[in-house]
Amino acid sequence: MTILSNLNPGEHGVIQAIHAEQALHQRLNAMGFRIGKKIELIRRASFNGPLHVRIGATDIILRGVEAQRIQLNAA
């Protein structure tokens, strides 16, 4: 198990849990972050900037603090 923010570009995993308050959990769910979905880290911005991730055919830019709340199984 790892968290999304620990992945390196090109690595992927399967979402196992989202540890967030209700509002953030609902927002992430609406963007496609669901348990069992495969997620790939495309790139990481410099200086602890946002992460570019891909879920299916959807690309999303995510803040690092949000990425730390997403637990993955390495795939």
Protein backbone atom coordinates (compact mmCIF):
# COMPACT_ATOMS: atom_id res chain seq x y z
CA MET A 1 0.00 0.00 0.00
CA THR A 2 1.12 3.53 -0.75
CA ILE A 3 -0.39 6.95 -1.25
CA LEU A 4 -0.86 8.74 -4.55
CA SER A 5 1.63 11.48 -3.73
CA ASN A 6 4.41 8.84 -3.36
CA LEU A 7 4.14 7.62 -6.95
CA ASN A 8 6.71 8.58 -9.55
CA PRO A 9 5.68 9.71 -13.04
CA GLY A 10 4.66 6.71 -15.15
CA GLU A 11 3.69 4.58 -12.14
CA HIS A 12 0.13 3.54 -11.46
CA GLY A 13 -1.99 1.92 -8.79
CA VAL A 14 -5.54 1.02 -7.84
CA ILE A 15 -7.47 3.24 -5.43
CA GLN A 16 -8.12 1.40 -2.16
CA ALA A 17 -9.37 4.21 0.10
CA ILE A 18 -9.93 7.95 0.21
CA HIS A 19 -9.33 9.47 3.64
CA ALA A 20 -11.02 12.86 3.39
CA GLU A 21 -13.84 14.86 4.89
CA GLN A 22 -17.26 14.44 3.27
CA ALA A 23 -17.09 17.51 0.98
CA LEU A 24 -13.68 16.61 -0.47
CA HIS A 25 -14.65 12.95 -0.75
CA GLN A 26 -17.74 13.90 -2.79
CA ARG A 27 -15.74 16.23 -5.04
CA LEU A 28 -13.09 13.57 -5.70
CA ASN A 29 -15.83 11.01 -6.34
CA ALA A 30 -17.46 13.34 -8.89
CA MET A 31 -14.10 13.63 -10.71
CA GLY A 32 -13.82 9.84 -10.99
CA PHE A 33 -11.76 8.94 -7.91
CA ARG A 34 -13.51 5.73 -6.86
CA ILE A 35 -12.32 2.65 -5.02
CA GLY A 36 -11.13 0.02 -7.48
CA LYS A 37 -10.25 2.50 -10.25
CA LYS A 38 -6.77 2.44 -11.80
CA ILE A 39 -4.90 5.75 -11.55
CA GLU A 40 -1.61 6.79 -13.15
CA LEU A 41 0.68 9.66 -12.23
CA ILE A 42 1.57 11.45 -15.47
CA ARG A 43 3.76 14.22 -14.09
CA ARG A 44 4.59 16.18 -10.98
CA ALA A 45 5.06 19.97 -11.00
CA SER A 46 8.21 21.51 -9.58
CA PHE A 47 8.48 22.78 -6.02
CA ASN A 48 5.77 20.51 -4.58
CA GLY A 49 3.24 21.79 -7.10
CA PRO A 50 0.17 19.93 -8.32
CA LEU A 51 0.12 16.40 -9.72
CA HIS A 52 -1.19 15.47 -13.16
CA VAL A 53 -3.02 12.13 -12.90
CA ARG A 54 -5.03 10.01 -15.32
CA ILE A 55 -8.07 7.94 -14.42
CA GLY A 56 -9.27 6.03 -17.47
CA ALA A 57 -9.33 8.61 -20.28
CA THR A 58 -9.65 11.60 -17.91
CA ASP A 59 -6.69 13.79 -16.98
CA ILE A 60 -6.93 15.68 -13.69
CA ILE A 61 -4.66 18.16 -11.93
CA LEU A 62 -4.65 17.49 -8.19
CA ARG A 63 -3.07 19.32 -5.26
CA GLY A 64 -0.46 17.43 -3.27
CA VAL A 65 -2.47 17.62 -0.02
CA GLU A 66 -5.40 15.95 -1.76
CA ALA A 67 -3.14 13.29 -3.28
CA GLN A 68 -1.87 12.41 0.19
CA ARG A 69 -5.40 11.35 1.16
CA ILE A 70 -5.70 8.72 -1.60
CA GLN A 71 -4.43 5.28 -0.63
CA LEU A 72 -3.39 2.90 -3.42
CA ASN A 73 -2.37 -0.67 -4.04
CA ALA A 74 0.57 -0.66 -6.42
CA ALA A 75 -0.46 -2.34 -9.68
